[in-house]
Amino acid sequence: MIRLVKIIAGMRFFALIPFIGLAIAADVLFIKGGIDLVHFLWELVFGVGGVDIQKHIIVDIVEIVHLFLVGTVLFLTSLGIYELFIQPLPLPPWLKTHNIEELELNLVGLTIVVLAVNFLSVIFEEQEINLAIYGIGYALPITALAYFMKVRSQIKGNESAKMTDNDDEDSKGHEDSFKAMEESFEAMS
């Protein structure tokens, strides 16, 4: 029985696979974003490339920032997986991951940003397409995911409030029993 428990406990180290994979993916995105940023600045300053840079400046900047944001979310997710399954890390409190729901909400938020950036790039590029259809196609999943995030945070807020109320009731109950003990000791004296 003890051997089985050790095997099951050791299985948590399989979480190193997504931890390492996501960290590498984040690093690749940071490097790609850095290269794209240098290339963009080079074209902006020296006007190299023959493309009208003024026309594509917003899309290029948003896409570069998008690479960095996705890389950041992947990196934070990899840290969260490590913290949840392997061991806590010495991180600032705002970087700590306490449960899977936090990672899930990060992923949903990332998906919303990716969809918004993709739609933004479609808007700024000259194409012979009906933007209304694209807009609806992007708006529906963004709305559904935003609603999911809202409901999830409300549920989590209600659970936190219930826990706080229970803690308050428990502490009040402890205070009452402590007072009752005090009174019984005073009555004995």
C-alpha atoms as a PDB file:
ATOM      1  CA  MET A   1       0.000   0.000   0.000  1.00  0.00           C
ATOM      2  CA  ILE A   2       2.808   2.417   0.882  1.00  0.00           C
ATOM      3  CA  ARG A   3       4.514   1.670  -2.433  1.00  0.00           C
ATOM      4  CA  LEU A   4       1.323   2.533  -4.339  1.00  0.00           C
ATOM      5  CA  VAL A   5       1.052   5.834  -2.468  1.00  0.00           C
ATOM      6  CA  LYS A   6       4.679   6.657  -3.365  1.00  0.00           C
ATOM      7  CA  ILE A   7       3.995   5.864  -7.017  1.00  0.00           C
ATOM      8  CA  ILE A   8       0.905   8.067  -7.047  1.00  0.00           C
ATOM      9  CA  ALA A   9       2.765  10.882  -5.267  1.00  0.00           C
ATOM     10  CA  GLY A  10       5.617  10.581  -7.765  1.00  0.00           C
ATOM     11  CA  MET A  11       3.232  10.998 -10.670  1.00  0.00           C
ATOM     12  CA  ARG A  12       3.025  14.699  -9.876  1.00  0.00           C
ATOM     13  CA  PHE A  13       6.446  15.044 -11.487  1.00  0.00           C
ATOM     14  CA  PHE A  14       4.793  14.439 -14.865  1.00  0.00           C
ATOM     15  CA  ALA A  15       3.746  18.068 -14.456  1.00  0.00           C
ATOM     16  CA  LEU A  16       7.345  18.921 -15.345  1.00  0.00           C
ATOM     17  CA  ILE A  17       6.447  18.147 -18.976  1.00  0.00           C
ATOM     18  CA  PRO A  18       3.954  21.027 -19.388  1.00  0.00           C
ATOM     19  CA  PHE A  19       6.101  23.226 -17.128  1.00  0.00           C
ATOM     20  CA  ILE A  20       9.153  22.829 -19.364  1.00  0.00           C
ATOM     21  CA  GLY A  21       7.133  22.904 -22.599  1.00  0.00           C
ATOM     22  CA  LEU A  22       5.279  26.094 -21.691  1.00  0.00           C
ATOM     23  CA  ALA A  23       8.470  27.766 -20.462  1.00  0.00           C
ATOM     24  CA  ILE A  24      10.218  26.953 -23.755  1.00  0.00           C
ATOM     25  CA  ALA A  25       7.197  28.165 -25.757  1.00  0.00           C
ATOM     26  CA  ALA A  26       7.195  31.409 -23.751  1.00  0.00           C
ATOM     27  CA  ASP A  27      10.911  31.898 -24.396  1.00  0.00           C
ATOM     28  CA  VAL A  28      10.418  31.296 -28.123  1.00  0.00           C
ATOM     29  CA  LEU A  29       7.635  33.891 -28.212  1.00  0.00           C
ATOM     30  CA  PHE A  30       9.788  36.396 -26.309  1.00  0.00           C
ATOM     31  CA  ILE A  31      12.647  35.870 -28.776  1.00  0.00           C
ATOM     32  CA  LYS A  32      10.308  36.088 -31.803  1.00  0.00           C
ATOM     33  CA  GLY A  33       8.701  39.236 -30.384  1.00  0.00           C
ATOM     34  CA  GLY A  34      12.120  40.750 -29.751  1.00  0.00           C
ATOM     35  CA  ILE A  35      13.286  39.991 -33.297  1.00  0.00           C
ATOM     36  CA  ASP A  36      10.046  41.382 -34.752  1.00  0.00           C
ATOM     37  CA  LEU A  37      10.387  44.504 -32.599  1.00  0.00           C
ATOM     38  CA  VAL A  38      13.957  45.131 -33.743  1.00  0.00           C
ATOM     39  CA  HIS A  39      12.918  44.537 -37.363  1.00  0.00           C
ATOM     40  CA  PHE A  40       9.941  46.886 -36.961  1.00  0.00           C
ATOM     41  CA  LEU A  41      12.086  49.630 -35.414  1.00  0.00           C
ATOM     42  CA  TRP A  42      14.690  49.199 -38.141  1.00  0.00           C
ATOM     43  CA  GLU A  43      12.035  49.658 -40.823  1.00  0.00           C
ATOM     44  CA  LEU A  44      10.504  52.573 -38.943  1.00  0.00           C
ATOM     45  CA  VAL A  45      13.774  54.439 -38.530  1.00  0.00           C
ATOM     46  CA  PHE A  46      15.458  53.651 -41.841  1.00  0.00           C
ATOM     47  CA  GLY A  47      12.412  53.062 -44.056  1.00  0.00           C
ATOM     48  CA  VAL A  48      13.842  49.792 -45.343  1.00  0.00           C
ATOM     49  CA  GLY A  49      11.631  47.145 -46.863  1.00  0.00           C
ATOM     50  CA  GLY A  50       9.720  49.080 -49.509  1.00  0.00           C
ATOM     51  CA  VAL A  51       6.436  48.696 -47.593  1.00  0.00           C
ATOM     52  CA  ASP A  52       4.519  51.759 -46.499  1.00  0.00           C
ATOM     53  CA  ILE A  53       5.246  51.430 -42.768  1.00  0.00           C
ATOM     54  CA  GLN A  54       2.737  54.139 -41.805  1.00  0.00           C
ATOM     55  CA  LYS A  55      -0.060  51.989 -43.151  1.00  0.00           C
ATOM     56  CA  HIS A  56       0.823  48.961 -41.023  1.00  0.00           C
ATOM     57  CA  ILE A  57       2.263  50.606 -37.910  1.00  0.00           C
ATOM     58  CA  ILE A  58      -0.672  49.905 -35.574  1.00  0.00           C
ATOM     59  CA  VAL A  59      -1.144  46.311 -36.675  1.00  0.00           C
ATOM     60  CA  ASP A  60       2.585  45.588 -36.407  1.00  0.00           C
ATOM     61  CA  ILE A  61       2.874  47.084 -32.926  1.00  0.00           C
ATOM     62  CA  VAL A  62      -0.247  45.280 -31.673  1.00  0.00           C
ATOM     63  CA  GLU A  63       0.975  41.960 -33.085  1.00  0.00           C
ATOM     64  CA  ILE A  64       4.390  42.406 -31.423  1.00  0.00           C
ATOM     65  CA  VAL A  65       2.811  43.266 -28.066  1.00  0.00           C
ATOM     66  CA  HIS A  66       0.512  40.292 -28.591  1.00  0.00           C
ATOM     67  CA  LEU A  67       3.525  37.962 -28.874  1.00  0.00           C
ATOM     68  CA  PHE A  68       4.903  39.287 -25.603  1.00  0.00           C
ATOM     69  CA  LEU A  69       1.523  38.970 -23.856  1.00  0.00           C
ATOM     70  CA  VAL A  70       1.018  35.389 -24.996  1.00  0.00           C
ATOM     71  CA  GLY A  71       4.580  34.576 -23.929  1.00  0.00           C
ATOM     72  CA  THR A  72       3.944  36.136 -20.528  1.00  0.00           C
ATOM     73  CA  VAL A  73       0.723  34.168 -19.988  1.00  0.00           C
ATOM     74  CA  LEU A  74       2.452  30.927 -21.041  1.00  0.00           C
ATOM     75  CA  PHE A  75       5.311  31.653 -18.650  1.00  0.00           C
ATOM     76  CA  LEU A  76       2.934  32.440 -15.780  1.00  0.00           C
ATOM     77  CA  THR A  77       0.988  29.271 -16.546  1.00  0.00           C
ATOM     78  CA  SER A  78       4.173  27.211 -16.463  1.00  0.00           C
ATOM     79  CA  LEU A  79       5.098  28.742 -13.091  1.00  0.00           C
ATOM     80  CA  GLY A  80       1.578  28.037 -11.821  1.00  0.00           C
ATOM     81  CA  ILE A  81       1.749  24.392 -12.875  1.00  0.00           C
ATOM     82  CA  TYR A  82       5.088  24.039 -11.126  1.00  0.00           C
ATOM     83  CA  GLU A  83       3.745  25.658  -7.962  1.00  0.00           C
ATOM     84  CA  LEU A  84       0.583  23.562  -7.905  1.00  0.00           C
ATOM     85  CA  PHE A  85       2.165  20.181  -8.591  1.00  0.00           C
ATOM     86  CA  ILE A  86       5.833  20.292  -7.605  1.00  0.00           C
ATOM     87  CA  GLN A  87       6.542  22.868  -4.894  1.00  0.00           C
ATOM     88  CA  PRO A  88       5.915  26.526  -4.039  1.00  0.00           C
ATOM     89  CA  LEU A  89       8.328  29.047  -5.524  1.00  0.00           C
ATOM     90  CA  PRO A  90       9.724  32.168  -3.851  1.00  0.00           C
ATOM     91  CA  LEU A  91       7.612  34.571  -5.909  1.00  0.00           C
ATOM     92  CA  PRO A  92       5.922  37.863  -5.084  1.00  0.00           C
ATOM     93  CA  PRO A  93       2.339  37.368  -3.849  1.00  0.00           C
ATOM     94  CA  TRP A  94       0.793  38.683  -7.082  1.00  0.00           C
ATOM     95  CA  LEU A  95       2.589  35.939  -9.060  1.00  0.00           C
ATOM     96  CA  LYS A  96       1.591  33.036  -6.834  1.00  0.00           C
ATOM     97  CA  THR A  97      -0.928  30.495  -8.111  1.00  0.00           C
ATOM     98  CA  HIS A  98      -3.246  29.007  -5.510  1.00  0.00           C
ATOM     99  CA  ASN A  99      -5.493  26.780  -7.608  1.00  0.00           C
ATOM    100  CA  ILE A 100      -6.279  25.505 -11.091  1.00  0.00           C
ATOM    101  CA  GLU A 101      -9.066  28.074 -11.509  1.00  0.00           C
ATOM    102  CA  GLU A 102      -6.511  30.886 -11.596  1.00  0.00           C
ATOM    103  CA  LEU A 103      -4.686  29.157 -14.447  1.00  0.00           C
ATOM    104  CA  GLU A 104      -7.992  28.532 -16.213  1.00  0.00           C
ATOM    105  CA  LEU A 105      -8.982  32.204 -15.991  1.00  0.00           C
ATOM    106  CA  ASN A 106      -5.561  33.225 -17.339  1.00  0.00           C
ATOM    107  CA  LEU A 107      -6.108  30.958 -20.330  1.00  0.00           C
ATOM    108  CA  VAL A 108      -9.618  32.300 -20.957  1.00  0.00           C
ATOM    109  CA  GLY A 109      -8.318  35.863 -20.718  1.00  0.00           C
ATOM    110  CA  LEU A 110      -5.534  35.015 -23.155  1.00  0.00           C
ATOM    111  CA  THR A 111      -8.035  33.536 -25.595  1.00  0.00           C
ATOM    112  CA  ILE A 112     -10.084  36.744 -25.483  1.00  0.00           C
ATOM    113  CA  VAL A 113      -6.989  38.846 -26.177  1.00  0.00           C
ATOM    114  CA  VAL A 114      -5.903  36.585 -29.050  1.00  0.00           C
ATOM    115  CA  LEU A 115      -9.338  36.822 -30.675  1.00  0.00           C
ATOM    116  CA  ALA A 116      -9.420  40.600 -30.245  1.00  0.00           C
ATOM    117  CA  VAL A 117      -5.933  41.047 -31.733  1.00  0.00           C
ATOM    118  CA  ASN A 118      -6.785  38.774 -34.661  1.00  0.00           C
ATOM    119  CA  PHE A 119      -9.924  40.794 -35.361  1.00  0.00           C
ATOM    120  CA  LEU A 120      -7.975  44.035 -35.069  1.00  0.00           C
ATOM    121  CA  SER A 121      -5.485  42.846 -37.671  1.00  0.00           C
ATOM    122  CA  VAL A 122      -8.376  41.882 -39.996  1.00  0.00           C
ATOM    123  CA  ILE A 123      -9.874  45.362 -39.619  1.00  0.00           C
ATOM    124  CA  PHE A 124      -6.657  47.200 -40.497  1.00  0.00           C
ATOM    125  CA  GLU A 125      -5.712  45.045 -43.476  1.00  0.00           C
ATOM    126  CA  GLU A 126      -7.311  45.855 -46.800  1.00  0.00           C
ATOM    127  CA  GLN A 127      -9.424  42.882 -47.760  1.00  0.00           C
ATOM    128  CA  GLU A 128     -12.575  42.224 -49.751  1.00  0.00           C
ATOM    129  CA  ILE A 129     -14.497  40.644 -46.883  1.00  0.00           C
ATOM    130  CA  ASN A 130     -17.642  41.424 -44.978  1.00  0.00           C
ATOM    131  CA  LEU A 131     -16.432  42.713 -41.613  1.00  0.00           C
ATOM    132  CA  ALA A 132     -19.860  42.201 -40.040  1.00  0.00           C
ATOM    133  CA  ILE A 133     -19.570  38.427 -40.438  1.00  0.00           C
ATOM    134  CA  TYR A 134     -16.037  38.476 -39.037  1.00  0.00           C
ATOM    135  CA  GLY A 135     -17.170  40.745 -36.222  1.00  0.00           C
ATOM    136  CA  ILE A 136     -19.985  38.406 -35.213  1.00  0.00           C
ATOM    137  CA  GLY A 137     -17.663  35.421 -35.511  1.00  0.00           C
ATOM    138  CA  TYR A 138     -15.208  37.045 -33.119  1.00  0.00           C
ATOM    139  CA  ALA A 139     -17.754  38.713 -30.837  1.00  0.00           C
ATOM    140  CA  LEU A 140     -19.688  35.568 -29.945  1.00  0.00           C
ATOM    141  CA  PRO A 141     -16.799  33.597 -28.424  1.00  0.00           C
ATOM    142  CA  ILE A 142     -15.406  36.727 -26.754  1.00  0.00           C
ATOM    143  CA  THR A 143     -18.812  37.409 -25.183  1.00  0.00           C
ATOM    144  CA  ALA A 144     -19.213  33.790 -24.098  1.00  0.00           C
ATOM    145  CA  LEU A 145     -15.733  33.688 -22.556  1.00  0.00           C
ATOM    146  CA  ALA A 146     -16.199  37.047 -20.828  1.00  0.00           C
ATOM    147  CA  TYR A 147     -19.495  35.806 -19.406  1.00  0.00           C
ATOM    148  CA  PHE A 148     -17.758  32.628 -18.256  1.00  0.00           C
ATOM    149  CA  MET A 149     -15.099  34.712 -16.483  1.00  0.00           C
ATOM    150  CA  LYS A 150     -17.775  36.889 -14.848  1.00  0.00           C
ATOM    151  CA  VAL A 151     -19.814  33.931 -13.621  1.00  0.00           C
ATOM    152  CA  ARG A 152     -16.696  32.126 -12.410  1.00  0.00           C
ATOM    153  CA  SER A 153     -15.511  35.167 -10.465  1.00  0.00           C
ATOM    154  CA  GLN A 154     -18.990  35.664  -8.942  1.00  0.00           C
ATOM    155  CA  ILE A 155     -19.093  32.027  -7.864  1.00  0.00           C
ATOM    156  CA  LYS A 156     -15.622  32.366  -6.409  1.00  0.00           C
ATOM    157  CA  GLY A 157     -16.628  35.617  -4.685  1.00  0.00           C
ATOM    158  CA  ASN A 158     -19.697  33.957  -3.172  1.00  0.00           C
ATOM    159  CA  GLU A 159     -17.593  31.017  -1.970  1.00  0.00           C
ATOM    160  CA  SER A 160     -15.103  33.429  -0.403  1.00  0.00           C
ATOM    161  CA  ALA A 161     -17.927  35.350   1.279  1.00  0.00           C
ATOM    162  CA  LYS A 162     -19.403  32.114   2.637  1.00  0.00           C
ATOM    163  CA  MET A 163     -16.002  31.050   3.922  1.00  0.00           C
ATOM    164  CA  THR A 164     -15.561  34.438   5.599  1.00  0.00           C
ATOM    165  CA  ASP A 165     -19.062  34.222   7.090  1.00  0.00           C
ATOM    166  CA  ASN A 166     -18.346  30.708   8.341  1.00  0.00           C
ATOM    167  CA  ASP A 167     -15.036  31.898   9.783  1.00  0.00           C
ATOM    168  CA  ASP A 168     -16.846  34.789  11.491  1.00  0.00           C
ATOM    169  CA  GLU A 169     -19.494  32.413  12.872  1.00  0.00           C
ATOM    170  CA  ASP A 170     -16.792  29.991  14.007  1.00  0.00           C
ATOM    171  CA  SER A 171     -14.830  32.759  15.706  1.00  0.00           C
ATOM    172  CA  LYS A 172     -18.036  34.087  17.312  1.00  0.00           C
ATOM    173  CA  GLY A 173     -18.848  30.574  18.490  1.00  0.00           C
ATOM    174  CA  HIS A 174     -15.324  30.250  19.902  1.00  0.00           C
ATOM    175  CA  GLU A 175     -15.687  33.633  21.619  1.00  0.00           C
ATOM    176  CA  ASP A 176     -19.017  32.574  23.132  1.00  0.00           C
ATOM    177  CA  SER A 177     -17.613  29.304  24.417  1.00  0.00           C
ATOM    178  CA  PHE A 178     -14.536  31.123  25.753  1.00  0.00           C
ATOM    179  CA  LYS A 179     -16.810  33.588  27.604  1.00  0.00           C
ATOM    180  CA  ALA A 180     -18.871  30.710  28.985  1.00  0.00           C
ATOM    181  CA  MET A 181     -15.671  29.032  30.250  1.00  0.00           C
ATOM    182  CA  GLU A 182     -14.518  32.295  31.783  1.00  0.00           C
ATOM    183  CA  GLU A 183     -17.840  32.782  33.548  1.00  0.00           C
ATOM    184  CA  SER A 184     -17.770  29.231  34.890  1.00  0.00           C
ATOM    185  CA  PHE A 185     -14.253  29.762  36.235  1.00  0.00           C
ATOM    186  CA  GLU A 186     -15.331  33.023  37.889  1.00  0.00           C
ATOM    187  CA  ALA A 187     -18.354  31.274  39.417  1.00  0.00           C
ATOM    188  CA  MET A 188     -16.062  28.585  40.841  1.00  0.00           C
ATOM    189  CA  SER A 189     -13.841  31.158  42.517  1.00  0.00           C
END
